[in-house]
Amino acid sequence: MKTAGKAIFIEQKFKERPICLLTFSAQIMNRKRCVIYPKDIQRMTDKSERYSQDLLHKIRIYFNKQSHQFITVKEFSEFSGIPRDEIESYL
């Protein structure tokens, strides 16, 4: 097995050319979501799902968003006053 950067090459005995298996770097594996869902708010606030849905609705109105648009971590942080790093620990 040979390694080259972020790829691992495995030479198979029955084929002449090596197969390249891409590996994920630690940076890609540690990516967090950038949007908030009602379940995230439930875990943070220990409130009901309905409360979480209503809160997201209020945030959409506050930021003048349509119902199909997502709420980002940044927007939720700004609206709720909870620091962004604390929110990301729940995602």
N, C-alpha and C. Protein backbone atom coordinates (compact mmCIF):
# COMPACT_ATOMS: atom_id res chain seq x y z
N MET A 1 0.85 -1.18 0.00
CA MET A 1 0.00 0.00 0.00
C MET A 1 0.89 1.23 0.00
N LYS A 2 0.66 2.14 -0.90
CA LYS A 2 1.44 3.37 -1.00
C LYS A 2 0.53 4.54 -0.65
N THR A 3 1.07 5.54 0.05
CA THR A 3 0.28 6.73 0.35
C THR A 3 0.87 7.91 -0.39
N ALA A 4 0.01 8.77 -0.87
CA ALA A 4 0.43 9.98 -1.58
C ALA A 4 -0.56 11.08 -1.26
N GLY A 5 -0.19 11.99 -0.38
CA GLY A 5 -1.08 13.09 -0.02
C GLY A 5 -2.32 12.60 0.67
N LYS A 6 -3.47 12.89 0.09
CA LYS A 6 -4.74 12.51 0.69
C LYS A 6 -5.32 11.25 0.04
N ALA A 7 -4.57 10.60 -0.81
CA ALA A 7 -5.08 9.41 -1.49
C ALA A 7 -4.26 8.19 -1.10
N ILE A 8 -4.89 7.05 -1.07
CA ILE A 8 -4.22 5.79 -0.79
C ILE A 8 -4.32 4.93 -2.04
N PHE A 9 -3.20 4.43 -2.51
CA PHE A 9 -3.18 3.59 -3.70
C PHE A 9 -2.98 2.14 -3.27
N ILE A 10 -3.85 1.27 -3.73
CA ILE A 10 -3.75 -0.16 -3.43
C ILE A 10 -3.49 -0.88 -4.75
N GLU A 11 -2.39 -1.60 -4.78
CA GLU A 11 -2.06 -2.35 -5.99
C GLU A 11 -2.68 -3.74 -5.87
N GLN A 12 -3.46 -4.08 -6.83
CA GLN A 12 -4.08 -5.39 -6.84
C GLN A 12 -3.26 -6.33 -7.72
N LYS A 13 -3.12 -7.56 -7.27
CA LYS A 13 -2.30 -8.53 -8.00
C LYS A 13 -2.92 -8.92 -9.33
N PHE A 14 -4.25 -8.91 -9.41
CA PHE A 14 -4.90 -9.36 -10.63
C PHE A 14 -5.13 -8.25 -11.64
N LYS A 15 -4.79 -7.02 -11.31
CA LYS A 15 -4.93 -5.91 -12.25
C LYS A 15 -3.59 -5.18 -12.36
N GLU A 16 -3.37 -4.59 -13.50
CA GLU A 16 -2.10 -3.91 -13.73
C GLU A 16 -2.08 -2.50 -13.16
N ARG A 17 -3.21 -1.84 -13.13
CA ARG A 17 -3.22 -0.46 -12.64
C ARG A 17 -3.72 -0.41 -11.19
N PRO A 18 -3.17 0.50 -10.39
CA PRO A 18 -3.59 0.61 -8.99
C PRO A 18 -4.96 1.30 -8.88
N ILE A 19 -5.65 1.01 -7.80
CA ILE A 19 -6.93 1.64 -7.51
C ILE A 19 -6.67 2.77 -6.51
N CYS A 20 -7.27 3.91 -6.74
CA CYS A 20 -7.10 5.05 -5.86
C CYS A 20 -8.32 5.18 -4.96
N LEU A 21 -8.11 5.08 -3.66
CA LEU A 21 -9.18 5.29 -2.69
C LEU A 21 -8.94 6.62 -2.00
N LEU A 22 -9.85 7.55 -2.19
CA LEU A 22 -9.68 8.86 -1.56
C LEU A 22 -10.06 8.78 -0.10
N THR A 23 -9.25 9.39 0.72
CA THR A 23 -9.54 9.45 2.14
C THR A 23 -9.93 10.87 2.50
N PHE A 24 -10.75 10.99 3.51
CA PHE A 24 -11.18 12.31 3.95
C PHE A 24 -10.15 12.87 4.92
N SER A 25 -9.82 14.11 4.73
CA SER A 25 -8.90 14.74 5.68
C SER A 25 -9.66 15.06 6.95
N ALA A 26 -8.94 15.30 8.02
CA ALA A 26 -9.57 15.60 9.31
C ALA A 26 -10.41 16.87 9.22
N GLN A 27 -10.00 17.80 8.38
CA GLN A 27 -10.74 19.05 8.25
C GLN A 27 -12.13 18.81 7.67
N ILE A 28 -12.24 17.96 6.68
CA ILE A 28 -13.54 17.68 6.07
C ILE A 28 -14.42 16.89 7.04
N MET A 29 -13.85 15.96 7.77
CA MET A 29 -14.62 15.13 8.69
C MET A 29 -15.18 15.94 9.85
N ASN A 30 -14.54 17.04 10.21
CA ASN A 30 -14.97 17.83 11.36
C ASN A 30 -15.89 18.99 10.98
N ARG A 31 -16.37 19.02 9.76
CA ARG A 31 -17.27 20.10 9.36
C ARG A 31 -18.57 20.02 10.14
N LYS A 32 -19.07 21.18 10.50
CA LYS A 32 -20.34 21.26 11.21
C LYS A 32 -21.40 21.79 10.24
N ARG A 33 -22.63 21.54 10.59
CA ARG A 33 -23.73 22.08 9.79
C ARG A 33 -23.78 23.59 9.96
N CYS A 34 -24.28 24.26 8.97
CA CYS A 34 -24.41 25.71 9.06
C CYS A 34 -25.86 26.14 9.26
N VAL A 35 -26.79 25.19 9.30
CA VAL A 35 -28.20 25.53 9.48
C VAL A 35 -28.74 24.91 10.76
N ILE A 36 -29.81 25.51 11.27
CA ILE A 36 -30.44 25.08 12.52
C ILE A 36 -31.79 24.43 12.20
N TYR A 37 -32.06 23.33 12.86
CA TYR A 37 -33.33 22.62 12.73
C TYR A 37 -34.06 22.65 14.08
N PRO A 38 -35.38 22.41 14.08
CA PRO A 38 -36.12 22.41 15.35
C PRO A 38 -35.54 21.46 16.40
N LYS A 39 -35.03 20.32 15.98
CA LYS A 39 -34.46 19.36 16.93
C LYS A 39 -33.23 19.94 17.63
N ASP A 40 -32.45 20.75 16.94
CA ASP A 40 -31.29 21.40 17.55
C ASP A 40 -31.74 22.36 18.65
N ILE A 41 -32.80 23.12 18.37
CA ILE A 41 -33.32 24.06 19.36
C ILE A 41 -33.89 23.31 20.56
N GLN A 42 -34.54 22.18 20.30
CA GLN A 42 -35.05 21.35 21.40
C GLN A 42 -33.94 20.93 22.34
N ARG A 43 -32.82 20.46 21.76
CA ARG A 43 -31.70 20.01 22.60
C ARG A 43 -31.07 21.15 23.37
N MET A 44 -30.99 22.34 22.76
CA MET A 44 -30.36 23.48 23.42
C MET A 44 -31.23 24.06 24.53
N THR A 45 -32.53 24.15 24.29
CA THR A 45 -33.42 24.85 25.22
C THR A 45 -34.24 23.92 26.10
N ASP A 46 -34.26 22.64 25.77
CA ASP A 46 -35.08 21.66 26.49
C ASP A 46 -36.57 22.02 26.42
N LYS A 47 -36.96 22.59 25.29
CA LYS A 47 -38.36 22.94 25.04
C LYS A 47 -38.96 21.96 24.04
N SER A 48 -40.24 22.11 23.76
CA SER A 48 -40.94 21.18 22.86
C SER A 48 -40.59 21.44 21.39
N GLU A 49 -40.97 20.49 20.56
CA GLU A 49 -40.75 20.64 19.13
C GLU A 49 -41.58 21.80 18.58
N ARG A 50 -42.78 21.94 19.07
CA ARG A 50 -43.65 23.03 18.61
C ARG A 50 -43.06 24.40 18.96
N TYR A 51 -42.50 24.53 20.16
CA TYR A 51 -41.84 25.78 20.55
C TYR A 51 -40.69 26.07 19.59
N SER A 52 -39.92 25.04 19.26
CA SER A 52 -38.77 25.20 18.37
C SER A 52 -39.21 25.63 16.97
N GLN A 53 -40.30 25.06 16.48
CA GLN A 53 -40.82 25.45 15.18
C GLN A 53 -41.30 26.90 15.19
N ASP A 54 -41.98 27.28 16.25
CA ASP A 54 -42.45 28.67 16.38
C ASP A 54 -41.28 29.65 16.44
N LEU A 55 -40.23 29.26 17.15
CA LEU A 55 -39.06 30.13 17.25
C LEU A 55 -38.40 30.31 15.88
N LEU A 56 -38.27 29.23 15.13
CA LEU A 56 -37.71 29.35 13.78
C LEU A 56 -38.59 30.23 12.90
N HIS A 57 -39.90 30.13 13.07
CA HIS A 57 -40.82 30.99 12.32
C HIS A 57 -40.60 32.46 12.67
N LYS A 58 -40.43 32.76 13.95
CA LYS A 58 -40.17 34.14 14.38
C LYS A 58 -38.85 34.65 13.81
N ILE A 59 -37.85 33.78 13.77
CA ILE A 59 -36.54 34.17 13.23
C ILE A 59 -36.66 34.46 11.73
N ARG A 60 -37.44 33.65 11.01
CA ARG A 60 -37.66 33.90 9.58
C ARG A 60 -38.32 35.25 9.36
N ILE A 61 -39.28 35.59 10.19
CA ILE A 61 -39.94 36.90 10.08
C ILE A 61 -38.94 38.01 10.37
N TYR A 62 -38.14 37.83 11.42
CA TYR A 62 -37.15 38.83 11.83
C TYR A 62 -36.15 39.12 10.71
N PHE A 63 -35.70 38.07 10.03
CA PHE A 63 -34.71 38.23 8.96
C PHE A 63 -35.35 38.34 7.57
N ASN A 64 -36.68 38.46 7.53
CA ASN A 64 -37.42 38.62 6.28
C ASN A 64 -37.11 37.50 5.29
N LYS A 65 -37.22 36.26 5.77
CA LYS A 65 -36.96 35.10 4.93
C LYS A 65 -38.28 34.42 4.58
N GLN A 66 -38.27 33.69 3.48
CA GLN A 66 -39.44 32.93 3.09
C GLN A 66 -39.44 31.59 3.82
N SER A 67 -40.58 30.91 3.78
CA SER A 67 -40.74 29.68 4.57
C SER A 67 -39.82 28.55 4.13
N HIS A 68 -39.38 28.54 2.88
CA HIS A 68 -38.51 27.46 2.40
C HIS A 68 -37.03 27.72 2.67
N GLN A 69 -36.69 28.91 3.15
CA GLN A 69 -35.29 29.25 3.39
C GLN A 69 -34.83 28.79 4.77
N PHE A 70 -33.56 28.42 4.85
CA PHE A 70 -32.98 27.93 6.10
C PHE A 70 -32.56 29.06 7.02
N ILE A 71 -32.46 28.75 8.30
CA ILE A 71 -31.90 29.66 9.30
C ILE A 71 -30.49 29.18 9.61
N THR A 72 -29.52 30.07 9.50
CA THR A 72 -28.13 29.69 9.74
C THR A 72 -27.79 29.80 11.22
N VAL A 73 -26.66 29.20 11.57
CA VAL A 73 -26.17 29.28 12.95
C VAL A 73 -25.91 30.73 13.32
N LYS A 74 -25.36 31.49 12.39
CA LYS A 74 -25.07 32.91 12.64
C LYS A 74 -26.35 33.69 12.95
N GLU A 75 -27.40 33.45 12.16
CA GLU A 75 -28.67 34.15 12.37
C GLU A 75 -29.30 33.75 13.69
N PHE A 76 -29.27 32.45 14.01
CA PHE A 76 -29.83 32.00 15.27
C PHE A 76 -29.06 32.60 16.45
N SER A 77 -27.75 32.67 16.32
CA SER A 77 -26.92 33.25 17.37
C SER A 77 -27.26 34.73 17.58
N GLU A 78 -27.40 35.44 16.48
CA GLU A 78 -27.73 36.87 16.55
C GLU A 78 -29.10 37.09 17.19
N PHE A 79 -30.08 36.28 16.82
CA PHE A 79 -31.44 36.43 17.33
C PHE A 79 -31.54 36.03 18.80
N SER A 80 -30.92 34.92 19.16
CA SER A 80 -31.07 34.38 20.52
C SER A 80 -30.09 34.96 21.53
N GLY A 81 -28.96 35.48 21.03
CA GLY A 81 -27.95 36.00 21.94
C GLY A 81 -27.02 34.92 22.49
N ILE A 82 -27.17 33.69 22.01
CA ILE A 82 -26.30 32.59 22.43
C ILE A 82 -25.05 32.63 21.55
N PRO A 83 -23.86 32.57 22.16
CA PRO A 83 -22.63 32.60 21.35
C PRO A 83 -22.58 31.44 20.35
N ARG A 84 -22.01 31.73 19.21
CA ARG A 84 -21.98 30.76 18.11
C ARG A 84 -21.26 29.46 18.48
N ASP A 85 -20.17 29.55 19.23
CA ASP A 85 -19.43 28.34 19.58
C ASP A 85 -20.23 27.43 20.50
N GLU A 86 -21.08 28.01 21.35
CA GLU A 86 -21.94 27.18 22.20
C GLU A 86 -23.01 26.48 21.37
N ILE A 87 -23.54 27.16 20.39
CA ILE A 87 -24.54 26.55 19.51
C ILE A 87 -23.92 25.40 18.74
N GLU A 88 -22.72 25.61 18.21
CA GLU A 88 -22.06 24.57 17.41
C GLU A 88 -21.73 23.33 18.21
N SER A 89 -21.61 23.46 19.52
CA SER A 89 -21.33 22.27 20.34
C SER A 89 -22.54 21.34 20.39
N TYR A 90 -23.73 21.85 20.08
CA TYR A 90 -24.95 21.02 20.06
C TYR A 90 -25.22 20.41 18.69
N LEU A 91 -24.50 20.84 17.67
CA LEU A 91 -24.74 20.33 16.31
C LEU A 91 -23.92 19.09 16.03
